[in-house]
Amino acid sequence: MKRQHRMTRRIVVLGGGENAEHDVSLATAAAVAEALRATGFDVDELTIDRDGTWRRGADALGSRAIDSLAAALGVIERADVVFPAIHGPCGEDGTLAALCALAHTPMAGSGLRAGAIGMDKWATKLVAEALGIRTAPARLVTAAEIADVEFEADVVVKPASAGSSFGVALARDALQLRDALCRAARLDDRILIEDVVRGREIDVAVLREADGRPWAAPPLEIHADGVFDTESKYDGSALFSVPADLDDTSRTALTDAALRMFDALGCAGVARIDFFLTDHGPVLNEVNTMPGMTPESQVPKMFAAAGLSYEQLVARLVDAAAIRKPAAHAPLLAPDSS
């Protein structure tokens, strides 16, 4: 039987976007819309094309262009809740959160501040360091400084603000470094050059419920050959273990760090916090405030391991957006998945 959500009946799901994660966002939006309909919500869909054109609907053949952003804003204003299933710049970075805030329409997920800081990997490092959470040693360069960067040791190069591992590359010599910097600069004019961290790749998903309490799902481990880049993320070569095989000390350290980052950034809805687990404890990699959300994505897999189905997870994100309360100080480590 479908559960009826009487307080939040009309949901607008946004998909697409003007960035490299366009196709990934379309997949997330389609899955979210299907889950919400199956749970009893009335769902409308808006799609942002690569060129910035807004369309009513998800299918390019069956949808129609909207005359202007003002027309799209009218659809958003009439919604009970907006679900912005758009990853990356001009979406996850707080842009859509600001639009929904100006329209006075509740939005599932993090607001402007958390989205903007979480999207900026350099700013995220500064927050983590203030909390005493270790990150990979790094330097920040601009696209204009690429010619002056000299190779010193193996490093990981990544755009300061991009997702789905686009533009991430391991550089082992001067030629690879120059190529990696140039490719990262196509996505952002600010680029991180990080020391290579040796450790297990562990993700932790955190959900803030409608009553304001956050809790962390069982961690997930990524098994990839080399750097977990865009290709390995989507070609099926990477394998996931959930729950990750962790001792109690490591699990507690990872969960505690994830919850502290989630709260420090002021995240809402769901976020995925990525770590390297080293011999000396967790090292924060990045925070994703609008992570991939198809049933096969990491976050739904982690919550499924906690007994929360994909449909329940998506519905809770909408319910939390409609009834947003201040966060409680004491986070939960286990859910009531009933």
Protein backbone atom coordinates (compact mmCIF):
# COMPACT_ATOMS: atom_id res chain seq x y z
CA MET A 1 0.00 0.00 0.00
CA LYS A 2 1.23 3.48 -0.82
CA ARG A 3 1.86 5.69 2.15
CA GLN A 4 0.01 8.97 1.79
CA HIS A 5 2.00 12.14 2.61
CA ARG A 6 -0.85 14.61 3.03
CA MET A 7 1.26 17.56 4.18
CA THR A 8 3.61 17.44 1.18
CA ARG A 9 1.63 16.36 -1.80
CA ARG A 10 3.18 18.15 -4.79
CA ILE A 11 6.91 17.62 -5.33
CA VAL A 12 8.99 19.17 -8.10
CA VAL A 13 12.08 17.15 -9.01
CA LEU A 14 14.86 19.06 -10.78
CA GLY A 15 17.30 17.18 -13.02
CA GLY A 16 20.04 17.79 -15.56
CA GLY A 17 22.15 20.89 -15.09
CA GLU A 18 24.79 22.92 -16.93
CA ASN A 19 27.86 20.91 -15.97
CA ALA A 20 29.77 17.67 -16.55
CA GLU A 21 27.45 15.74 -14.23
CA HIS A 22 24.38 16.36 -16.40
CA ASP A 23 23.75 12.70 -17.30
CA VAL A 24 24.37 11.52 -13.74
CA SER A 25 21.85 14.08 -12.49
CA LEU A 26 19.26 12.91 -15.03
CA ALA A 27 19.62 9.36 -13.69
CA THR A 28 19.22 10.55 -10.10
CA ALA A 29 16.18 12.68 -10.95
CA ALA A 30 14.46 9.84 -12.80
CA ALA A 31 15.00 7.42 -9.91
CA VAL A 32 13.86 9.95 -7.29
CA ALA A 33 10.72 10.85 -9.25
CA GLU A 34 9.80 7.18 -9.68
CA ALA A 35 10.32 6.46 -5.97
CA LEU A 36 8.23 9.45 -4.90
CA ARG A 37 5.37 8.46 -7.20
CA ALA A 38 5.49 4.91 -5.83
CA THR A 39 5.26 6.34 -2.31
CA GLY A 40 2.14 8.36 -3.05
CA PHE A 41 3.44 11.82 -3.92
CA ASP A 42 2.29 13.89 -6.89
CA VAL A 43 5.46 14.61 -8.86
CA ASP A 44 6.25 17.27 -11.43
CA GLU A 45 9.62 17.33 -13.21
CA LEU A 46 11.80 20.15 -14.45
CA THR A 47 14.96 19.58 -16.48
CA ILE A 48 17.80 22.02 -17.07
CA ASP A 49 19.51 21.30 -20.39
CA ARG A 50 23.25 21.61 -20.91
CA ASP A 51 22.72 25.02 -22.53
CA GLY A 52 20.68 26.28 -19.59
CA THR A 53 17.26 25.85 -21.19
CA TRP A 54 14.56 24.81 -18.71
CA ARG A 55 12.09 22.12 -19.79
CA ARG A 56 8.88 20.87 -18.24
CA GLY A 57 9.26 17.10 -17.90
CA ALA A 58 12.22 14.70 -17.98
CA ASP A 59 12.09 13.15 -21.47
CA ALA A 60 13.65 15.39 -24.12
CA LEU A 61 11.19 14.10 -26.72
CA GLY A 62 8.11 14.35 -24.55
CA SER A 63 8.90 17.51 -22.63
CA ARG A 64 8.58 21.11 -23.68
CA ALA A 65 10.82 24.13 -23.26
CA ILE A 66 9.75 26.80 -20.80
CA ASP A 67 9.92 30.36 -22.06
CA SER A 68 12.06 31.70 -19.23
CA LEU A 69 13.45 31.12 -15.77
CA ALA A 70 10.49 33.16 -14.53
CA ALA A 71 8.13 30.50 -15.91
CA ALA A 72 10.12 27.73 -14.24
CA LEU A 73 10.08 29.71 -11.01
CA GLY A 74 6.29 29.70 -11.16
CA VAL A 75 6.34 25.88 -11.13
CA ILE A 76 8.75 25.92 -8.18
CA GLU A 77 6.64 28.43 -6.24
CA ARG A 78 3.56 26.20 -6.51
CA ALA A 79 5.39 23.14 -5.18
CA ASP A 80 5.13 21.88 -1.61
CA VAL A 81 8.77 20.73 -1.77
CA VAL A 82 11.49 20.87 -4.42
CA PHE A 83 13.91 17.97 -4.76
CA PRO A 84 17.00 19.35 -6.56
CA ALA A 85 18.58 16.18 -8.00
CA ILE A 86 21.33 18.18 -9.71
CA HIS A 87 24.95 17.43 -8.87
CA GLY A 88 27.89 19.76 -9.29
CA PRO A 89 28.16 23.49 -10.10
CA CYS A 90 24.96 25.53 -10.59
CA GLY A 91 23.09 22.91 -8.58
CA GLU A 92 24.72 21.21 -5.61
CA ASP A 93 26.83 24.31 -4.87
CA GLY A 94 23.91 26.20 -3.32
CA THR A 95 22.66 27.84 -6.52
CA LEU A 96 19.32 26.02 -6.52
CA ALA A 97 19.04 26.32 -2.74
CA ALA A 98 19.21 30.08 -3.14
CA LEU A 99 16.57 30.02 -5.87
CA CYS A 100 14.20 27.97 -3.71
CA ALA A 101 14.86 30.22 -0.72
CA LEU A 102 13.92 33.30 -2.75
CA ALA A 103 10.76 31.49 -3.89
CA HIS A 104 9.98 30.55 -0.26
CA THR A 105 9.65 26.90 -1.32
CA PRO A 106 11.02 24.16 0.98
CA MET A 107 13.86 22.17 -0.60
CA ALA A 108 15.11 18.67 0.15
CA GLY A 109 18.79 18.77 1.05
CA SER A 110 21.34 21.28 2.22
CA GLY A 111 20.90 25.02 1.97
CA LEU A 112 23.06 27.64 0.32
CA ARG A 113 25.86 27.79 2.90
CA ALA A 114 26.41 24.05 3.26
CA GLY A 115 26.15 23.50 -0.48
CA ALA A 116 28.63 26.24 -1.33
CA ILE A 117 31.23 25.24 1.26
CA GLY A 118 30.81 21.51 0.68
CA MET A 119 31.29 21.96 -3.06
CA ASP A 120 34.54 23.85 -2.51
CA LYS A 121 37.14 21.23 -1.60
CA TRP A 122 39.60 23.84 -0.33
CA ALA A 123 37.02 25.46 1.95
CA THR A 124 35.98 22.02 3.18
CA LYS A 125 39.60 21.34 4.18
CA LEU A 126 39.66 24.51 6.24
CA VAL A 127 36.51 23.48 8.11
CA ALA A 128 37.89 19.98 8.72
CA GLU A 129 41.18 21.33 10.03
CA ALA A 130 39.31 23.64 12.42
CA LEU A 131 37.54 20.54 13.77
CA GLY A 132 40.78 18.60 14.13
CA ILE A 133 39.89 16.21 11.28
CA ARG A 134 42.87 15.34 9.12
CA THR A 135 42.89 16.02 5.35
CA ALA A 136 45.47 15.34 2.65
CA PRO A 137 48.21 18.02 2.57
CA ALA A 138 47.47 20.20 -0.46
CA ARG A 139 48.14 23.46 -2.23
CA LEU A 140 45.69 25.57 -4.21
CA VAL A 141 46.69 26.99 -7.60
CA THR A 142 44.82 28.90 -10.26
CA ALA A 143 44.63 28.10 -13.95
CA ALA A 144 46.90 31.07 -14.65
CA GLU A 145 49.62 29.51 -12.46
CA ILE A 146 49.79 26.13 -14.21
CA ALA A 147 52.96 26.95 -16.15
CA ASP A 148 54.80 27.71 -12.90
CA VAL A 149 53.90 24.44 -11.12
CA GLU A 150 56.87 22.09 -10.81
CA PHE A 151 56.69 18.33 -10.25
CA GLU A 152 58.10 17.21 -6.91
CA ALA A 153 56.37 13.91 -6.09
CA ASP A 154 53.31 11.81 -6.96
CA VAL A 155 50.19 13.93 -6.44
CA VAL A 156 46.44 13.86 -7.04
CA VAL A 157 45.09 16.76 -9.09
CA LYS A 158 41.44 17.79 -8.87
CA PRO A 159 39.24 20.83 -9.62
CA ALA A 160 38.47 22.69 -6.41
CA SER A 161 34.73 22.58 -7.18
CA ALA A 162 33.53 19.62 -9.24
CA GLY A 163 31.92 16.26 -8.57
CA SER A 164 31.69 12.66 -9.77
CA SER A 165 35.51 12.67 -9.79
CA PHE A 166 35.52 14.69 -13.03
CA GLY A 167 38.97 16.15 -13.60
CA VAL A 168 40.60 13.99 -10.92
CA ALA A 169 43.90 12.40 -11.94
CA LEU A 170 47.03 10.88 -10.44
CA ALA A 171 50.25 12.49 -11.69
CA ARG A 172 53.52 10.54 -11.42
CA ASP A 173 55.77 12.79 -13.50
CA ALA A 174 56.01 16.34 -14.85
CA LEU A 175 54.20 15.53 -18.11
CA GLN A 176 51.28 13.86 -16.31
CA LEU A 177 51.10 16.77 -13.88
CA ARG A 178 50.87 19.35 -16.64
CA ASP A 179 48.20 17.31 -18.46
CA ALA A 180 46.19 16.79 -15.26
CA LEU A 181 46.32 20.49 -14.40
CA CYS A 182 45.13 21.48 -17.87
CA ARG A 183 42.23 19.03 -17.75
CA ALA A 184 41.20 20.16 -14.26
CA ALA A 185 41.34 23.79 -15.42
CA ARG A 186 38.62 23.05 -17.98
CA LEU A 187 36.23 22.49 -15.08
CA ASP A 188 37.43 25.10 -12.57
CA ASP A 189 40.00 27.88 -12.53
CA ARG A 190 40.98 26.84 -8.98
CA ILE A 191 42.82 23.52 -8.72
CA LEU A 192 43.93 21.38 -5.79
CA ILE A 193 47.25 19.52 -5.86
CA GLU A 194 47.11 16.95 -3.05
CA ASP A 195 49.65 14.59 -1.58
CA VAL A 196 48.75 10.96 -2.27
CA VAL A 197 47.10 9.33 0.75
CA ARG A 198 47.55 5.57 1.17
CA GLY A 199 44.53 4.00 2.80
CA ARG A 200 41.19 2.28 2.37
CA GLU A 201 38.46 4.40 0.72
CA ILE A 202 35.49 4.55 3.09
CA ASP A 203 32.26 6.51 2.62
CA VAL A 204 29.83 7.48 5.38
CA ALA A 205 26.27 8.65 4.65
CA VAL A 206 24.48 10.94 7.10
CA LEU A 207 20.76 11.74 7.13
CA ARG A 208 19.08 14.53 9.08
CA GLU A 209 15.54 13.48 9.94
CA ALA A 210 12.47 15.71 10.13
CA ASP A 211 13.00 16.22 13.88
CA GLY A 212 16.48 17.58 13.22
CA ARG A 213 18.47 14.58 14.44
CA PRO A 214 21.30 13.32 12.20
CA TRP A 215 22.42 9.70 12.10
CA ALA A 216 25.01 7.79 10.12
CA ALA A 217 24.39 4.65 8.09
CA PRO A 218 26.88 1.75 8.13
CA PRO A 219 30.05 2.81 6.24
CA LEU A 220 30.80 1.56 2.74
CA GLU A 221 34.21 0.60 1.34
CA ILE A 222 35.23 1.25 -2.27
CA HIS A 223 37.47 -1.31 -3.97
CA ALA A 224 39.04 0.23 -7.08
CA ASP A 225 42.22 -0.39 -9.04
CA GLY A 226 44.06 2.89 -8.52
CA VAL A 227 42.37 6.27 -8.18
CA PHE A 228 38.57 6.12 -7.91
CA ASP A 229 38.04 8.41 -10.91
CA THR A 230 35.04 9.08 -13.14
CA GLU A 231 35.71 6.09 -15.37
CA SER A 232 35.94 3.56 -12.54
CA LYS A 233 32.98 5.19 -10.79
CA TYR A 234 30.60 4.47 -13.67
CA ASP A 235 32.08 1.61 -15.73
CA GLY A 236 31.31 -1.02 -13.10
CA SER A 237 34.95 -1.86 -12.35
CA ALA A 238 34.79 -0.51 -8.79
CA LEU A 239 33.21 -2.74 -6.17
CA PHE A 240 31.47 -1.70 -2.96
CA SER A 241 31.38 -3.50 0.39
CA VAL A 242 28.64 -2.46 2.78
CA PRO A 243 28.85 -2.63 5.68
CA ALA A 244 32.60 -2.10 5.41
CA ASP A 245 34.70 -4.58 7.38
CA LEU A 246 35.84 -2.31 10.20
CA ASP A 247 36.83 -2.71 13.81
CA ASP A 248 34.86 -0.80 16.42
CA THR A 249 37.54 1.87 16.85
CA SER A 250 37.73 2.67 13.13
CA ARG A 251 33.95 2.63 12.69
CA THR A 252 33.46 5.00 15.61
CA ALA A 253 36.20 7.37 14.38
CA LEU A 254 34.75 7.51 10.86
CA THR A 255 31.18 7.99 12.04
CA ASP A 256 32.15 10.66 14.55
CA ALA A 257 34.14 12.61 11.94
CA ALA A 258 31.29 12.36 9.42
CA LEU A 259 28.70 13.62 11.91
CA ARG A 260 30.94 16.50 13.01
CA MET A 261 31.53 17.59 9.41
CA PHE A 262 27.81 17.31 8.64
CA ASP A 263 26.91 19.53 11.59
CA ALA A 264 29.79 22.00 11.12
CA LEU A 265 28.74 22.65 7.52
CA GLY A 266 25.10 22.94 8.56
CA CYS A 267 24.02 20.15 6.21
CA ALA A 268 20.38 19.11 5.84
CA GLY A 269 18.82 16.16 4.09
CA VAL A 270 21.54 13.68 3.21
CA ALA A 271 25.27 14.01 2.61
CA ARG A 272 28.03 11.57 1.76
CA ILE A 273 31.33 12.15 3.53
CA ASP A 274 34.30 10.39 1.92
CA PHE A 275 37.42 9.32 3.81
CA PHE A 276 40.68 7.46 3.49
CA LEU A 277 41.20 5.13 6.44
CA THR A 278 44.94 5.09 7.15
CA ASP A 279 47.08 3.44 9.84
CA HIS A 280 46.74 6.71 11.77
CA GLY A 281 42.97 7.05 11.47
CA PRO A 282 40.53 8.75 9.05
CA VAL A 283 41.63 11.36 6.53
CA LEU A 284 38.77 13.39 5.02
CA ASN A 285 38.62 13.38 1.23
CA GLU A 286 35.48 15.40 0.46
CA VAL A 287 31.84 16.10 1.30
CA ASN A 288 28.96 15.62 -1.16
CA THR A 289 25.77 17.47 -0.22
CA MET A 290 23.80 16.11 -3.20
CA PRO A 291 25.38 12.72 -3.86
CA GLY A 292 24.31 10.23 -6.51
CA MET A 293 20.88 8.94 -5.54
CA THR A 294 19.91 6.10 -7.84
CA PRO A 295 19.14 2.82 -6.04
CA GLU A 296 22.60 1.57 -7.08
CA SER A 297 24.45 4.63 -5.75
CA GLN A 298 26.58 4.48 -2.61
CA VAL A 299 24.25 6.43 -0.32
CA PRO A 300 21.11 4.32 -0.88
CA LYS A 301 23.25 1.17 -0.50
CA MET A 302 24.45 2.36 2.91
CA PHE A 303 20.96 3.17 4.14
CA ALA A 304 19.66 -0.14 2.78
CA ALA A 305 22.24 -1.81 5.03
CA ALA A 306 20.60 0.08 7.92
CA GLY A 307 17.17 -1.26 6.96
CA LEU A 308 15.94 1.85 5.17
CA SER A 309 14.63 1.20 1.65
CA TYR A 310 15.25 3.54 -1.26
CA GLU A 311 11.61 4.70 -1.27
CA GLN A 312 11.72 5.34 2.49
CA LEU A 313 14.96 7.31 2.17
CA VAL A 314 13.63 9.59 -0.56
CA ALA A 315 10.33 10.11 1.27
CA ARG A 316 12.16 11.03 4.49
CA LEU A 317 14.20 13.63 2.63
CA VAL A 318 10.98 15.25 1.44
CA ASP A 319 9.33 15.02 4.86
CA ALA A 320 12.36 16.61 6.52
CA ALA A 321 12.31 19.47 4.03
CA ALA A 322 8.64 20.17 4.72
CA ILE A 323 9.06 20.17 8.51
CA ARG A 324 12.54 21.59 9.12
CA LYS A 325 13.49 21.92 12.79
CA PRO A 326 16.77 22.96 14.47
CA ALA A 327 19.31 20.14 14.69
CA ALA A 328 19.52 18.27 17.95
CA HIS A 329 22.87 18.28 19.72
CA ALA A 330 23.00 14.53 20.29
CA PRO A 331 23.11 12.61 16.97
CA LEU A 332 21.72 9.15 16.55
CA LEU A 333 23.92 6.30 15.33
CA ALA A 334 21.05 3.99 14.41
CA PRO A 335 17.65 4.69 12.84
CA ASP A 336 14.13 3.67 13.47
CA SER A 337 13.45 2.33 9.97
CA SER A 338 9.80 1.56 10.62
